[in-house]
Amino acid sequence: MLIQPRPIDQTSAAHERIYRTLRAQIMHGELSPGVSLTLRGIGKQFDLSMTPAREAVRRLVAEGALTLSSSGRVSTPELSNERIEELAALRALLEPELASRALPRAHMALIERLQTINAGIAEMVAKQDAAGYIRTNLEFHRTLYLRAQAPAMLAMAETVWLQMGPTMCALYGRLRRTDPPHNHRLIIAALKAGDEPGLRLAVRTDVTQGLRMLAS
């Protein structure tokens, strides 16, 4: 007997596409803090009905990527200084631990990959591409942390990145970067040397330094 393939749930596929696209845009700082979104506008952007747009927005609100006011207004987060400090503290806890767990698996192929990504960050800085800078910067960290083999911890870190995406874009404009993050070179050097304390310090400094400047 032939088994017929199950039909694709078109609504679920549409909702997933909206969710993943908006999630990436928010995480990479392509939307500024406080930008309002409407279900109608999202549906029009993706040429879809409001039903999958509503489900995608619901998931993003649950993750803290979007905020929902009592009046029903949906927008990207506008973070207070206290919230920035809290999220910076979370990064300082999670990311050095992820890097430490990745260290035993930091073989030369990984180090070479991180060096390549860091060169890409330099290109984004030269082009003054804020969203590109944020995207490649997060790729640098994610590539390292995947070696930690700690998916729950990485998922928590990504939730923090997601909440901070719009604010990171604002931070980039304030810092006026002209070169790649110095601490990335320290991270790579610590990986080469197998220096766990140095790696923890470099990661902690890298993920908190700029955020604390923004909150000051």
N, C-alpha and C. Protein backbone atom coordinates (compact mmCIF):
# COMPACT_ATOMS: atom_id res chain seq x y z
N MET A 1 0.85 -1.20 0.00
CA MET A 1 0.00 0.00 0.00
C MET A 1 0.88 1.25 0.00
N LEU A 2 0.58 2.15 -0.90
CA LEU A 2 1.33 3.40 -0.96
C LEU A 2 0.88 4.33 0.15
N ILE A 3 1.84 4.95 0.78
CA ILE A 3 1.53 5.92 1.84
C ILE A 3 1.61 7.32 1.24
N GLN A 4 0.51 8.01 1.26
CA GLN A 4 0.47 9.35 0.71
C GLN A 4 1.18 10.32 1.64
N PRO A 5 2.01 11.22 1.10
CA PRO A 5 2.66 12.22 1.95
C PRO A 5 1.63 13.15 2.58
N ARG A 6 1.93 13.54 3.82
CA ARG A 6 1.02 14.45 4.50
C ARG A 6 1.07 15.82 3.84
N PRO A 7 -0.08 16.46 3.64
CA PRO A 7 -0.07 17.79 3.02
C PRO A 7 0.62 18.81 3.93
N ILE A 8 1.30 19.74 3.31
CA ILE A 8 1.98 20.79 4.07
C ILE A 8 0.94 21.76 4.61
N ASP A 9 1.05 22.08 5.88
CA ASP A 9 0.17 23.06 6.49
C ASP A 9 0.66 24.44 6.04
N GLN A 10 -0.05 25.00 5.08
CA GLN A 10 0.40 26.26 4.47
C GLN A 10 0.41 27.40 5.50
N THR A 11 -0.56 27.40 6.41
CA THR A 11 -0.60 28.46 7.42
C THR A 11 0.60 28.39 8.34
N SER A 12 0.95 27.17 8.77
CA SER A 12 2.11 26.99 9.64
C SER A 12 3.40 27.40 8.93
N ALA A 13 3.52 27.03 7.65
CA ALA A 13 4.72 27.38 6.88
C ALA A 13 4.82 28.90 6.73
N ALA A 14 3.69 29.56 6.48
CA ALA A 14 3.69 31.01 6.33
C ALA A 14 4.06 31.69 7.65
N HIS A 15 3.50 31.20 8.73
CA HIS A 15 3.80 31.78 10.06
C HIS A 15 5.27 31.61 10.39
N GLU A 16 5.84 30.45 10.06
CA GLU A 16 7.25 30.20 10.35
C GLU A 16 8.15 31.14 9.55
N ARG A 17 7.78 31.38 8.30
CA ARG A 17 8.57 32.28 7.46
C ARG A 17 8.55 33.70 8.01
N ILE A 18 7.36 34.17 8.41
CA ILE A 18 7.27 35.52 8.99
C ILE A 18 8.07 35.59 10.28
N TYR A 19 7.89 34.59 11.12
CA TYR A 19 8.57 34.56 12.43
C TYR A 19 10.08 34.62 12.26
N ARG A 20 10.63 33.77 11.40
CA ARG A 20 12.09 33.70 11.25
C ARG A 20 12.65 34.98 10.62
N THR A 21 11.93 35.54 9.66
CA THR A 21 12.40 36.77 9.01
C THR A 21 12.38 37.94 9.99
N LEU A 22 11.27 38.12 10.69
CA LEU A 22 11.19 39.22 11.67
C LEU A 22 12.19 39.02 12.80
N ARG A 23 12.35 37.79 13.24
CA ARG A 23 13.29 37.49 14.33
C ARG A 23 14.71 37.89 13.94
N ALA A 24 15.11 37.54 12.72
CA ALA A 24 16.45 37.91 12.25
C ALA A 24 16.59 39.42 12.13
N GLN A 25 15.56 40.09 11.61
CA GLN A 25 15.63 41.55 11.46
C GLN A 25 15.78 42.23 12.81
N ILE A 26 15.04 41.75 13.81
CA ILE A 26 15.11 42.35 15.15
C ILE A 26 16.46 42.06 15.79
N MET A 27 16.91 40.80 15.73
CA MET A 27 18.17 40.42 16.36
C MET A 27 19.35 41.17 15.77
N HIS A 28 19.32 41.42 14.46
CA HIS A 28 20.44 42.06 13.78
C HIS A 28 20.33 43.57 13.75
N GLY A 29 19.36 44.13 14.46
CA GLY A 29 19.27 45.58 14.57
C GLY A 29 18.78 46.27 13.33
N GLU A 30 18.04 45.56 12.47
CA GLU A 30 17.52 46.18 11.26
C GLU A 30 16.29 47.05 11.56
N LEU A 31 15.73 46.90 12.75
CA LEU A 31 14.61 47.74 13.20
C LEU A 31 15.05 48.54 14.41
N SER A 32 14.79 49.83 14.40
CA SER A 32 15.20 50.69 15.50
C SER A 32 14.33 50.47 16.73
N PRO A 33 14.79 50.89 17.91
CA PRO A 33 13.95 50.79 19.11
C PRO A 33 12.67 51.60 18.97
N GLY A 34 11.55 51.04 19.44
CA GLY A 34 10.29 51.76 19.47
C GLY A 34 9.54 51.81 18.16
N VAL A 35 9.94 51.01 17.17
CA VAL A 35 9.24 50.99 15.88
C VAL A 35 7.94 50.21 16.03
N SER A 36 6.82 50.81 15.61
CA SER A 36 5.52 50.16 15.69
C SER A 36 5.31 49.21 14.52
N LEU A 37 4.69 48.07 14.80
CA LEU A 37 4.35 47.10 13.77
C LEU A 37 2.85 46.82 13.85
N THR A 38 2.24 46.58 12.71
CA THR A 38 0.83 46.20 12.69
C THR A 38 0.69 44.87 11.98
N LEU A 39 -0.32 44.11 12.36
CA LEU A 39 -0.57 42.83 11.69
C LEU A 39 -0.86 43.04 10.21
N ARG A 40 -1.61 44.09 9.93
CA ARG A 40 -1.94 44.39 8.54
C ARG A 40 -0.66 44.70 7.75
N GLY A 41 0.22 45.51 8.35
CA GLY A 41 1.46 45.87 7.68
C GLY A 41 2.37 44.67 7.47
N ILE A 42 2.45 43.80 8.48
CA ILE A 42 3.27 42.60 8.34
C ILE A 42 2.71 41.69 7.27
N GLY A 43 1.39 41.51 7.28
CA GLY A 43 0.76 40.68 6.26
C GLY A 43 1.02 41.20 4.86
N LYS A 44 0.95 42.53 4.72
CA LYS A 44 1.19 43.14 3.40
C LYS A 44 2.64 42.96 2.98
N GLN A 45 3.57 43.10 3.94
CA GLN A 45 4.99 42.94 3.65
C GLN A 45 5.30 41.55 3.09
N PHE A 46 4.63 40.54 3.63
CA PHE A 46 4.89 39.16 3.22
C PHE A 46 3.84 38.64 2.23
N ASP A 47 2.90 39.50 1.86
CA ASP A 47 1.83 39.11 0.94
C ASP A 47 1.06 37.90 1.49
N LEU A 48 0.70 38.01 2.78
CA LEU A 48 -0.01 36.94 3.47
C LEU A 48 -1.15 37.54 4.28
N SER A 49 -2.01 36.69 4.79
CA SER A 49 -3.12 37.16 5.62
C SER A 49 -2.61 37.53 7.02
N MET A 50 -3.48 38.10 7.82
CA MET A 50 -3.10 38.50 9.17
C MET A 50 -2.99 37.31 10.13
N THR A 51 -3.55 36.16 9.77
CA THR A 51 -3.51 35.00 10.67
C THR A 51 -2.09 34.54 10.95
N PRO A 52 -1.25 34.23 9.94
CA PRO A 52 0.12 33.86 10.25
C PRO A 52 0.93 35.00 10.86
N ALA A 53 0.60 36.24 10.49
CA ALA A 53 1.29 37.39 11.08
C ALA A 53 1.00 37.46 12.58
N ARG A 54 -0.23 37.21 12.97
CA ARG A 54 -0.62 37.25 14.39
C ARG A 54 0.13 36.19 15.20
N GLU A 55 0.25 34.99 14.64
CA GLU A 55 0.94 33.92 15.35
C GLU A 55 2.43 34.22 15.48
N ALA A 56 3.04 34.76 14.43
CA ALA A 56 4.46 35.11 14.49
C ALA A 56 4.71 36.20 15.53
N VAL A 57 3.84 37.21 15.56
CA VAL A 57 3.99 38.29 16.53
C VAL A 57 3.81 37.76 17.95
N ARG A 58 2.85 36.85 18.13
CA ARG A 58 2.63 36.26 19.46
C ARG A 58 3.91 35.59 19.98
N ARG A 59 4.58 34.85 19.12
CA ARG A 59 5.81 34.17 19.52
C ARG A 59 6.92 35.17 19.85
N LEU A 60 7.02 36.22 19.05
CA LEU A 60 8.08 37.20 19.27
C LEU A 60 7.83 38.02 20.54
N VAL A 61 6.58 38.29 20.84
CA VAL A 61 6.25 38.96 22.11
C VAL A 61 6.64 38.07 23.28
N ALA A 62 6.37 36.78 23.18
CA ALA A 62 6.71 35.83 24.24
C ALA A 62 8.21 35.77 24.48
N GLU A 63 8.99 35.98 23.43
CA GLU A 63 10.45 35.94 23.54
C GLU A 63 11.05 37.26 23.97
N GLY A 64 10.23 38.30 24.07
CA GLY A 64 10.74 39.61 24.42
C GLY A 64 11.31 40.39 23.26
N ALA A 65 11.16 39.84 22.04
CA ALA A 65 11.66 40.54 20.85
C ALA A 65 10.77 41.71 20.47
N LEU A 66 9.49 41.62 20.81
CA LEU A 66 8.52 42.70 20.60
C LEU A 66 7.79 42.94 21.91
N THR A 67 7.28 44.14 22.06
CA THR A 67 6.50 44.47 23.25
C THR A 67 5.05 44.72 22.84
N LEU A 68 4.14 44.38 23.72
CA LEU A 68 2.71 44.57 23.49
C LEU A 68 2.16 45.43 24.61
N SER A 69 1.68 46.64 24.27
CA SER A 69 1.16 47.55 25.28
C SER A 69 -0.27 47.17 25.65
N SER A 70 -0.77 47.78 26.71
CA SER A 70 -2.15 47.51 27.15
C SER A 70 -3.17 47.93 26.10
N SER A 71 -2.77 48.87 25.23
CA SER A 71 -3.68 49.33 24.17
C SER A 71 -3.61 48.44 22.92
N GLY A 72 -2.70 47.45 22.96
CA GLY A 72 -2.56 46.54 21.82
C GLY A 72 -1.49 46.95 20.83
N ARG A 73 -0.73 48.01 21.13
CA ARG A 73 0.33 48.46 20.22
C ARG A 73 1.51 47.49 20.31
N VAL A 74 1.98 47.04 19.15
CA VAL A 74 3.13 46.15 19.08
C VAL A 74 4.32 46.95 18.57
N SER A 75 5.46 46.85 19.26
CA SER A 75 6.64 47.62 18.85
C SER A 75 7.91 46.90 19.25
N THR A 76 9.02 47.35 18.69
CA THR A 76 10.32 46.83 19.11
C THR A 76 10.68 47.43 20.47
N PRO A 77 11.48 46.72 21.27
CA PRO A 77 11.74 47.18 22.64
C PRO A 77 12.51 48.49 22.70
N GLU A 78 12.13 49.33 23.64
CA GLU A 78 12.91 50.50 24.02
C GLU A 78 13.40 50.23 25.43
N LEU A 79 14.68 49.93 25.57
CA LEU A 79 15.21 49.45 26.84
C LEU A 79 15.64 50.60 27.74
N SER A 80 15.25 50.52 29.00
CA SER A 80 15.73 51.46 30.01
C SER A 80 17.17 51.11 30.35
N ASN A 81 17.87 52.04 31.01
CA ASN A 81 19.24 51.77 31.45
C ASN A 81 19.30 50.56 32.37
N GLU A 82 18.29 50.44 33.24
CA GLU A 82 18.25 49.31 34.16
C GLU A 82 18.12 47.98 33.41
N ARG A 83 17.31 47.99 32.36
CA ARG A 83 17.13 46.77 31.57
C ARG A 83 18.41 46.43 30.80
N ILE A 84 19.08 47.45 30.27
CA ILE A 84 20.34 47.22 29.58
C ILE A 84 21.36 46.59 30.54
N GLU A 85 21.45 47.12 31.75
CA GLU A 85 22.37 46.58 32.76
C GLU A 85 22.02 45.13 33.09
N GLU A 86 20.74 44.84 33.19
CA GLU A 86 20.31 43.48 33.50
C GLU A 86 20.70 42.51 32.39
N LEU A 87 20.46 42.90 31.15
CA LEU A 87 20.79 42.03 30.03
C LEU A 87 22.31 41.89 29.86
N ALA A 88 23.05 42.98 30.13
CA ALA A 88 24.51 42.89 30.10
C ALA A 88 25.01 41.91 31.15
N ALA A 89 24.38 41.93 32.33
CA ALA A 89 24.77 40.99 33.39
C ALA A 89 24.49 39.55 32.98
N LEU A 90 23.38 39.33 32.28
CA LEU A 90 23.06 37.99 31.79
C LEU A 90 24.10 37.52 30.77
N ARG A 91 24.48 38.40 29.87
CA ARG A 91 25.52 38.03 28.90
C ARG A 91 26.83 37.71 29.61
N ALA A 92 27.15 38.49 30.65
CA ALA A 92 28.39 38.26 31.39
C ALA A 92 28.39 36.93 32.13
N LEU A 93 27.23 36.44 32.47
CA LEU A 93 27.13 35.13 33.12
C LEU A 93 27.15 33.99 32.11
N LEU A 94 26.34 34.12 31.06
CA LEU A 94 26.13 33.02 30.13
C LEU A 94 27.30 32.81 29.17
N GLU A 95 27.79 33.89 28.59
CA GLU A 95 28.70 33.73 27.47
C GLU A 95 30.11 33.30 27.85
N PRO A 96 30.69 33.79 28.97
CA PRO A 96 31.97 33.21 29.38
C PRO A 96 31.87 31.72 29.68
N GLU A 97 30.74 31.29 30.24
CA GLU A 97 30.55 29.86 30.51
C GLU A 97 30.46 29.07 29.21
N LEU A 98 29.73 29.59 28.23
CA LEU A 98 29.66 28.92 26.93
C LEU A 98 31.05 28.82 26.29
N ALA A 99 31.80 29.92 26.34
CA ALA A 99 33.15 29.90 25.76
C ALA A 99 34.04 28.89 26.48
N SER A 100 33.94 28.85 27.80
CA SER A 100 34.73 27.90 28.58
C SER A 100 34.42 26.46 28.19
N ARG A 101 33.14 26.16 28.00
CA ARG A 101 32.74 24.80 27.61
C ARG A 101 33.16 24.48 26.19
N ALA A 102 33.30 25.51 25.37
CA ALA A 102 33.73 25.30 23.99
C ALA A 102 35.23 25.07 23.88
N LEU A 103 35.99 25.56 24.84
CA LEU A 103 37.46 25.54 24.75
C LEU A 103 38.05 24.16 24.46
N PRO A 104 37.60 23.09 25.12
CA PRO A 104 38.21 21.78 24.82
C PRO A 104 37.99 21.32 23.37
N ARG A 105 37.03 21.90 22.68
CA ARG A 105 36.73 21.51 21.29
C ARG A 105 37.16 22.59 20.30
N ALA A 106 37.96 23.54 20.77
CA ALA A 106 38.39 24.67 19.93
C ALA A 106 39.61 24.26 19.12
N HIS A 107 39.39 23.46 18.09
CA HIS A 107 40.49 23.01 17.24
C HIS A 107 40.82 24.09 16.22
N MET A 108 41.89 23.87 15.47
CA MET A 108 42.38 24.92 14.56
C MET A 108 41.33 25.33 13.52
N ALA A 109 40.51 24.38 13.08
CA ALA A 109 39.48 24.72 12.08
C ALA A 109 38.52 25.77 12.63
N LEU A 110 38.16 25.64 13.90
CA LEU A 110 37.28 26.63 14.52
C LEU A 110 37.98 27.99 14.61
N ILE A 111 39.22 27.98 15.05
CA ILE A 111 39.96 29.23 15.19
C ILE A 111 40.09 29.93 13.84
N GLU A 112 40.38 29.18 12.80
CA GLU A 112 40.48 29.76 11.46
C GLU A 112 39.13 30.33 11.02
N ARG A 113 38.05 29.64 11.35
CA ARG A 113 36.71 30.13 11.01
C ARG A 113 36.42 31.45 11.74
N LEU A 114 36.79 31.54 13.00
CA LEU A 114 36.58 32.77 13.77
C LEU A 114 37.41 33.91 13.18
N GLN A 115 38.62 33.62 12.73
CA GLN A 115 39.45 34.66 12.11
C GLN A 115 38.81 35.17 10.82
N THR A 116 38.22 34.25 10.05
CA THR A 116 37.53 34.65 8.82
C THR A 116 36.33 35.53 9.11
N ILE A 117 35.55 35.14 10.11
CA ILE A 117 34.38 35.95 10.50
C ILE A 117 34.83 37.33 10.98
N ASN A 118 35.92 37.36 11.72
CA ASN A 118 36.41 38.64 12.23
C ASN A 118 36.84 39.54 11.09
N ALA A 119 37.39 38.97 10.03
CA ALA A 119 37.72 39.76 8.84
C ALA A 119 36.44 40.32 8.21
N GLY A 120 35.36 39.53 8.25
CA GLY A 120 34.07 40.02 7.76
C GLY A 120 33.54 41.17 8.60
N ILE A 121 33.78 41.11 9.89
CA ILE A 121 33.36 42.21 10.77
C ILE A 121 34.10 43.48 10.38
N ALA A 122 35.40 43.35 10.07
CA ALA A 122 36.18 44.52 9.66
C ALA A 122 35.60 45.15 8.40
N GLU A 123 35.12 44.31 7.47
CA GLU A 123 34.51 44.83 6.24
C GLU A 123 33.24 45.62 6.57
N MET A 124 32.44 45.11 7.50
CA MET A 124 31.20 45.80 7.87
C MET A 124 31.50 47.13 8.56
N VAL A 125 32.56 47.16 9.35
CA VAL A 125 32.96 48.40 9.99
C VAL A 125 33.39 49.42 8.94
N ALA A 126 34.18 48.96 7.96
CA ALA A 126 34.66 49.86 6.91
C ALA A 126 33.50 50.44 6.10
N LYS A 127 32.44 49.63 5.92
CA LYS A 127 31.27 50.09 5.16
C LYS A 127 30.27 50.84 6.03
N GLN A 128 30.53 50.91 7.34
CA GLN A 128 29.60 51.54 8.29
C GLN A 128 28.22 50.90 8.19
N ASP A 129 28.21 49.58 8.07
CA ASP A 129 26.97 48.80 7.95
C ASP A 129 26.60 48.27 9.33
N ALA A 130 25.71 48.97 10.02
CA ALA A 130 25.39 48.62 11.41
C ALA A 130 24.76 47.22 11.50
N ALA A 131 23.76 46.95 10.66
CA ALA A 131 23.10 45.64 10.72
C ALA A 131 24.06 44.53 10.34
N GLY A 132 24.91 44.78 9.33
CA GLY A 132 25.90 43.79 8.94
C GLY A 132 26.91 43.54 10.04
N TYR A 133 27.29 44.61 10.74
CA TYR A 133 28.22 44.48 11.86
C TYR A 133 27.61 43.62 12.97
N ILE A 134 26.37 43.91 13.32
CA ILE A 134 25.72 43.14 14.39
C ILE A 134 25.57 41.68 13.98
N ARG A 135 25.17 41.45 12.73
CA ARG A 135 24.97 40.08 12.25
C ARG A 135 26.28 39.27 12.30
N THR A 136 27.38 39.85 11.79
CA THR A 136 28.63 39.10 11.78
C THR A 136 29.23 38.98 13.17
N ASN A 137 29.00 39.98 14.01
CA ASN A 137 29.47 39.90 15.40
C ASN A 137 28.78 38.75 16.13
N LEU A 138 27.47 38.63 15.96
CA LEU A 138 26.75 37.53 16.59
C LEU A 138 27.16 36.18 15.98
N GLU A 139 27.46 36.17 14.69
CA GLU A 139 27.94 34.94 14.05
C GLU A 139 29.25 34.49 14.69
N PHE A 140 30.13 35.43 15.00
CA PHE A 140 31.39 35.12 15.67
C PHE A 140 31.13 34.41 16.99
N HIS A 141 30.25 35.00 17.79
CA HIS A 141 29.97 34.41 19.11
C HIS A 141 29.24 33.07 18.97
N ARG A 142 28.24 33.00 18.10
CA ARG A 142 27.48 31.76 17.95
C ARG A 142 28.36 30.61 17.46
N THR A 143 29.27 30.92 16.53
CA THR A 143 30.17 29.88 16.00
C THR A 143 31.01 29.28 17.11
N LEU A 144 31.50 30.12 18.01
CA LEU A 144 32.26 29.62 19.16
C LEU A 144 31.38 28.83 20.11
N TYR A 145 30.22 29.39 20.44
CA TYR A 145 29.38 28.78 21.48
C TYR A 145 28.75 27.47 21.04
N LEU A 146 28.58 27.27 19.74
CA LEU A 146 28.04 25.99 19.28
C LEU A 146 28.94 24.82 19.69
N ARG A 147 30.25 25.10 19.84
CA ARG A 147 31.17 24.05 20.26
C ARG A 147 31.01 23.69 21.73
N ALA A 148 30.27 24.49 22.46
CA ALA A 148 30.05 24.19 23.89
C ALA A 148 29.14 22.99 24.07
N GLN A 149 28.34 22.67 23.05
CA GLN A 149 27.36 21.59 23.12
C GLN A 149 26.44 21.77 24.34
N ALA A 150 25.95 23.00 24.49
CA ALA A 150 25.05 23.36 25.59
C ALA A 150 23.86 24.11 24.99
N PRO A 151 22.95 23.38 24.30
CA PRO A 151 21.89 24.06 23.54
C PRO A 151 20.95 24.90 24.38
N ALA A 152 20.64 24.47 25.60
CA ALA A 152 19.73 25.25 26.44
C ALA A 152 20.37 26.59 26.82
N MET A 153 21.65 26.55 27.14
CA MET A 153 22.36 27.77 27.51
C MET A 153 22.49 28.71 26.32
N LEU A 154 22.77 28.15 25.14
CA LEU A 154 22.87 28.97 23.94
C LEU A 154 21.53 29.59 23.59
N ALA A 155 20.45 28.85 23.76
CA ALA A 155 19.12 29.39 23.49
C ALA A 155 18.82 30.58 24.40
N MET A 156 19.25 30.50 25.65
CA MET A 156 19.06 31.63 26.58
C MET A 156 19.87 32.84 26.11
N ALA A 157 21.11 32.61 25.66
CA ALA A 157 21.93 33.71 25.16
C ALA A 157 21.29 34.35 23.94
N GLU A 158 20.74 33.53 23.04
CA GLU A 158 20.11 34.07 21.84
C GLU A 158 18.87 34.88 22.18
N THR A 159 18.15 34.50 23.22
CA THR A 159 16.99 35.29 23.64
C THR A 159 17.43 36.67 24.10
N VAL A 160 18.56 36.74 24.80
CA VAL A 160 19.10 38.04 25.22
C VAL A 160 19.50 38.86 24.00
N TRP A 161 20.19 38.22 23.04
CA TRP A 161 20.57 38.94 21.82
C TRP A 161 19.34 39.49 21.11
N LEU A 162 18.30 38.69 21.08
CA LEU A 162 17.07 39.08 20.39
C LEU A 162 16.46 40.32 21.02
N GLN A 163 16.40 40.35 22.34
CA GLN A 163 15.82 41.50 23.03
C GLN A 163 16.66 42.76 22.83
N MET A 164 17.96 42.57 22.60
CA MET A 164 18.86 43.72 22.52
C MET A 164 19.11 44.20 21.10
N GLY A 165 18.62 43.49 20.09
CA GLY A 165 18.95 43.84 18.71
C GLY A 165 18.75 45.31 18.35
N PRO A 166 17.55 45.86 18.52
CA PRO A 166 17.34 47.27 18.18
C PRO A 166 18.26 48.22 18.96
N THR A 167 18.47 47.92 20.24
CA THR A 167 19.35 48.76 21.06
C THR A 167 20.79 48.67 20.59
N MET A 168 21.22 47.48 20.15
CA MET A 168 22.58 47.32 19.65
C MET A 168 22.82 48.20 18.43
N CYS A 169 21.79 48.36 17.60
CA CYS A 169 21.92 49.24 16.44
C CYS A 169 22.15 50.68 16.89
N ALA A 170 21.42 51.11 17.90
CA ALA A 170 21.61 52.45 18.44
C ALA A 170 23.00 52.61 19.04
N LEU A 171 23.48 51.55 19.70
CA LEU A 171 24.81 51.58 20.30
C LEU A 171 25.89 51.72 19.24
N TYR A 172 25.73 51.01 18.13
CA TYR A 172 26.72 51.08 17.06
C TYR A 172 26.89 52.52 16.58
N GLY A 173 25.78 53.21 16.41
CA GLY A 173 25.86 54.60 15.97
C GLY A 173 26.58 55.48 16.96
N ARG A 174 26.42 55.18 18.25
CA ARG A 174 27.06 55.99 19.28
C ARG A 174 28.56 55.72 19.35
N LEU A 175 28.97 54.46 19.18
CA LEU A 175 30.38 54.11 19.34
C LEU A 175 31.24 54.59 18.17
N ARG A 176 30.63 54.74 16.97
CA ARG A 176 31.37 55.17 15.79
C ARG A 176 32.63 54.32 15.57
N ARG A 177 32.43 53.03 15.49
CA ARG A 177 33.56 52.10 15.35
C ARG A 177 34.34 52.37 14.06
N THR A 178 35.67 52.22 14.17
CA THR A 178 36.53 52.32 13.00
C THR A 178 37.36 51.05 12.81
N ASP A 179 37.29 50.10 13.75
CA ASP A 179 38.01 48.84 13.62
C ASP A 179 37.23 47.73 14.32
N PRO A 180 37.54 46.47 14.05
CA PRO A 180 36.81 45.36 14.67
C PRO A 180 37.03 45.36 16.18
N PRO A 181 36.18 44.67 16.93
CA PRO A 181 36.33 44.63 18.39
C PRO A 181 37.69 44.06 18.80
N HIS A 182 38.43 44.82 19.61
CA HIS A 182 39.75 44.38 20.08
C HIS A 182 39.66 43.06 20.84
N ASN A 183 38.58 42.88 21.59
CA ASN A 183 38.47 41.67 22.42
C ASN A 183 38.32 40.40 21.59
N HIS A 184 37.88 40.51 20.34
CA HIS A 184 37.81 39.32 19.49
C HIS A 184 39.20 38.74 19.26
N ARG A 185 40.18 39.62 19.09
CA ARG A 185 41.55 39.13 18.92
C ARG A 185 42.05 38.46 20.20
N LEU A 186 41.64 38.99 21.33
CA LEU A 186 42.02 38.37 22.62
C LEU A 186 41.34 37.02 22.79
N ILE A 187 40.09 36.92 22.34
CA ILE A 187 39.37 35.64 22.41
C ILE A 187 40.10 34.59 21.57
N ILE A 188 40.47 34.97 20.35
CA ILE A 188 41.16 34.04 19.46
C ILE A 188 42.51 33.64 20.05
N ALA A 189 43.24 34.60 20.60
CA ALA A 189 44.55 34.30 21.21
C ALA A 189 44.40 33.34 22.38
N ALA A 190 43.36 33.55 23.20
CA ALA A 190 43.14 32.67 24.36
C ALA A 190 42.76 31.27 23.91
N LEU A 191 42.00 31.15 22.84
CA LEU A 191 41.66 29.83 22.30
C LEU A 191 42.91 29.12 21.81
N LYS A 192 43.77 29.83 21.11
CA LYS A 192 45.02 29.23 20.62
C LYS A 192 45.89 28.74 21.77
N ALA A 193 45.90 29.52 22.85
CA ALA A 193 46.77 29.20 23.99
C ALA A 193 46.13 28.22 24.97
N GLY A 194 44.84 27.93 24.79
CA GLY A 194 44.14 27.09 25.77
C GLY A 194 44.01 27.76 27.12
N ASP A 195 43.92 29.10 27.10
CA ASP A 195 43.91 29.91 28.32
C ASP A 195 42.46 30.17 28.75
N GLU A 196 41.92 29.35 29.63
CA GLU A 196 40.52 29.50 30.04
C GLU A 196 40.26 30.80 30.79
N PRO A 197 41.08 31.17 31.81
CA PRO A 197 40.81 32.46 32.49
C PRO A 197 40.88 33.65 31.52
N GLY A 198 41.85 33.63 30.62
CA GLY A 198 41.96 34.71 29.64
C GLY A 198 40.78 34.74 28.70
N LEU A 199 40.29 33.56 28.32
CA LEU A 199 39.13 33.47 27.43
C LEU A 199 37.89 34.02 28.12
N ARG A 200 37.67 33.62 29.35
CA ARG A 200 36.50 34.11 30.10
C ARG A 200 36.54 35.64 30.22
N LEU A 201 37.71 36.17 30.54
CA LEU A 201 37.84 37.62 30.71
C LEU A 201 37.59 38.35 29.40
N ALA A 202 38.16 37.83 28.30
CA ALA A 202 37.99 38.50 27.00
C ALA A 202 36.54 38.48 26.56
N VAL A 203 35.85 37.35 26.76
CA VAL A 203 34.44 37.27 26.37
C VAL A 203 33.60 38.19 27.25
N ARG A 204 33.83 38.15 28.55
CA ARG A 204 33.04 38.99 29.46
C ARG A 204 33.21 40.47 29.13
N THR A 205 34.44 40.88 28.86
CA THR A 205 34.70 42.28 28.52
C THR A 205 34.03 42.65 27.20
N ASP A 206 34.14 41.75 26.23
CA ASP A 206 33.58 42.02 24.90
C ASP A 206 32.07 42.21 24.94
N VAL A 207 31.37 41.38 25.71
CA VAL A 207 29.91 41.41 25.65
C VAL A 207 29.30 42.45 26.57
N THR A 208 30.09 43.06 27.45
CA THR A 208 29.51 44.02 28.39
C THR A 208 30.02 45.44 28.19
N GLN A 209 31.20 45.61 27.63
CA GLN A 209 31.83 46.92 27.56
C GLN A 209 30.96 47.95 26.85
N GLY A 210 30.54 47.63 25.63
CA GLY A 210 29.74 48.57 24.85
C GLY A 210 28.38 48.82 25.45
N LEU A 211 27.77 47.77 26.00
CA LEU A 211 26.43 47.93 26.57
C LEU A 211 26.46 48.88 27.77
N ARG A 212 27.50 48.80 28.55
CA ARG A 212 27.57 49.67 29.73
C ARG A 212 27.85 51.11 29.32
N MET A 213 28.52 51.29 28.18
CA MET A 213 28.68 52.65 27.66
C MET A 213 27.32 53.23 27.25
N LEU A 214 26.47 52.37 26.70
CA LEU A 214 25.15 52.82 26.28
C LEU A 214 24.29 53.22 27.46
N ALA A 215 24.45 52.50 28.59
CA ALA A 215 23.63 52.76 29.76
C ALA A 215 24.16 53.93 30.59
N SER A 216 25.39 54.38 30.29
CA SER A 216 25.99 55.43 31.11
C SER A 216 25.47 56.81 30.72
